[in-house]
């Protein structure tokens, strides 16, 4: 099954790393779409929600942070797409808030390719 994945992060370097990690993960990603802030990420998700299989997003972004993006997705009723949240903080309260807003999984930066692949496999096996 070919998959379409959205990567939303304000760092060009991180988006590039995530794109490569997705392609190296053997999850049959046919397309990796990108946005460099939460507001553009929201627009991207709304425009492509029918074909998206996964959203990978940062928490700290300009224009709209990850918490606000998750909240907007929840308010718009877009909760069927699995969401992997990446953050440099491992704060338990933030993780719980993300999950309550619809995030499927949370991965602390920096992460290993093995950890990333394990989380992707678990999310996409649902």
Protein backbone atom coordinates (compact mmCIF):
# COMPACT_ATOMS: atom_id res chain seq x y z
CA UNK A 1 0.00 0.00 0.00
CA UNK A 2 1.54 3.29 -1.10
CA UNK A 3 1.34 6.00 1.51
CA UNK A 4 1.25 9.79 1.52
CA UNK A 5 2.88 11.47 4.49
CA UNK A 6 2.93 15.13 5.56
CA UNK A 7 5.99 16.51 7.36
CA UNK A 8 5.43 19.81 9.16
CA UNK A 9 8.51 21.43 10.70
CA UNK A 10 10.02 24.90 10.47
CA UNK A 11 13.54 23.52 10.00
CA UNK A 12 14.52 22.74 6.42
CA UNK A 13 17.20 20.40 7.76
CA UNK A 14 14.77 18.46 9.94
CA UNK A 15 12.26 18.15 7.09
CA UNK A 16 15.03 16.78 4.88
CA UNK A 17 16.12 14.32 7.58
CA UNK A 18 12.53 13.20 8.14
CA UNK A 19 11.94 12.76 4.40
CA UNK A 20 15.04 10.54 4.18
CA UNK A 21 14.09 8.64 7.33
CA UNK A 22 10.61 7.98 5.94
CA UNK A 23 12.05 6.74 2.64
CA UNK A 24 14.55 4.49 4.47
CA UNK A 25 11.86 3.00 6.71
CA UNK A 26 10.37 0.60 4.15
CA UNK A 27 6.84 1.88 4.70
CA UNK A 28 6.15 2.33 0.97
CA UNK A 29 5.81 6.11 1.02
CA UNK A 30 4.91 7.29 -2.45
CA UNK A 31 4.73 10.95 -1.52
CA UNK A 32 6.10 13.12 1.29
CA UNK A 33 4.44 16.53 1.43
CA UNK A 34 6.00 19.37 3.43
CA UNK A 35 5.02 22.55 5.26
CA UNK A 36 7.35 24.88 7.16
CA UNK A 37 4.94 26.19 9.80
CA UNK A 38 1.75 25.19 11.57
CA UNK A 39 -0.56 27.45 9.58
CA UNK A 40 0.68 26.13 6.24
CA UNK A 41 0.58 22.63 7.74
CA UNK A 42 -3.09 23.07 8.62
CA UNK A 43 -3.83 24.18 5.05
CA UNK A 44 -1.84 21.23 3.66
CA UNK A 45 -3.73 18.74 5.83
CA UNK A 46 -7.12 20.21 4.95
CA UNK A 47 -6.31 20.11 1.21
CA UNK A 48 -4.94 16.56 1.22
CA UNK A 49 -6.75 14.82 4.10
CA UNK A 50 -8.38 12.24 1.83
CA UNK A 51 -5.03 10.84 0.76
CA UNK A 52 -2.91 11.40 3.89
CA UNK A 53 -1.84 8.32 5.81
CA UNK A 54 0.32 10.06 8.42
CA UNK A 55 1.28 13.51 9.68
CA UNK A 56 4.67 14.03 11.30
CA UNK A 57 4.87 17.41 13.03
CA UNK A 58 6.99 19.51 15.32
CA UNK A 59 5.58 21.32 18.34
CA UNK A 60 7.56 24.56 18.17
CA UNK A 61 6.81 26.31 14.89
CA UNK A 62 6.08 29.85 13.74
CA UNK A 63 2.64 31.18 12.77
CA UNK A 64 0.91 28.31 14.59
CA UNK A 65 2.57 25.95 17.05
CA UNK A 66 1.90 22.23 17.20
CA UNK A 67 -0.59 22.43 20.08
CA UNK A 68 -2.65 25.02 18.21
CA UNK A 69 -2.45 22.90 15.04
CA UNK A 70 -3.68 19.81 16.89
CA UNK A 71 -6.48 21.89 18.39
CA UNK A 72 -7.51 23.21 14.95
CA UNK A 73 -7.52 19.67 13.52
CA UNK A 74 -9.67 18.48 16.41
CA UNK A 75 -12.09 21.40 16.00
CA UNK A 76 -12.31 20.68 12.25
CA UNK A 77 -13.09 17.02 12.94
CA UNK A 78 -9.90 15.85 11.24
CA UNK A 79 -8.82 13.15 13.66
CA UNK A 80 -8.74 10.03 11.55
CA UNK A 81 -5.20 10.69 10.28
CA UNK A 82 -2.47 9.33 12.57
CA UNK A 83 -0.22 12.09 13.91
CA UNK A 84 3.34 11.67 15.17
CA UNK A 85 4.46 14.65 17.26
CA UNK A 86 8.17 15.39 17.49
CA UNK A 87 9.59 17.63 20.19
CA UNK A 88 12.80 18.40 22.01
CA UNK A 89 10.85 18.35 25.27
CA UNK A 90 9.73 15.13 26.91
CA UNK A 91 7.41 16.91 29.35
CA UNK A 92 4.68 14.43 30.34
CA UNK A 93 2.01 17.14 30.53
CA UNK A 94 2.76 18.26 26.97
CA UNK A 95 2.64 14.65 25.76
CA UNK A 96 -0.73 14.11 27.45
CA UNK A 97 -2.09 17.34 26.01
CA UNK A 98 -1.00 16.25 22.52
CA UNK A 99 -2.64 12.86 22.92
CA UNK A 100 -5.84 14.44 24.25
CA UNK A 101 -5.91 16.63 21.14
CA UNK A 102 -5.57 13.63 18.82
CA UNK A 103 -1.85 12.86 18.51
CA UNK A 104 -1.21 9.16 17.99
CA UNK A 105 2.41 9.09 19.20
CA UNK A 106 5.11 11.35 20.59
CA UNK A 107 8.85 11.06 19.87
CA UNK A 108 11.52 13.10 21.62
CA UNK A 109 14.23 14.77 19.51
CA UNK A 110 16.91 13.75 18.90
CA UNK A 111 15.85 10.22 18.03
CA UNK A 112 17.54 7.28 16.39
CA UNK A 113 16.48 5.92 13.03
CA UNK A 114 15.54 2.66 14.78
CA UNK A 115 13.23 4.48 17.22
CA UNK A 116 11.66 6.44 14.36
CA UNK A 117 11.09 3.28 12.32
CA UNK A 118 9.61 1.44 15.31
CA UNK A 119 7.12 4.26 15.97
CA UNK A 120 6.19 4.52 12.27
CA UNK A 121 5.62 0.77 12.03
CA UNK A 122 3.44 0.82 15.16
CA UNK A 123 1.38 3.79 13.98
CA UNK A 124 0.85 2.51 10.45
CA UNK A 125 -0.02 -1.03 11.61
CA UNK A 126 -3.21 0.30 13.25
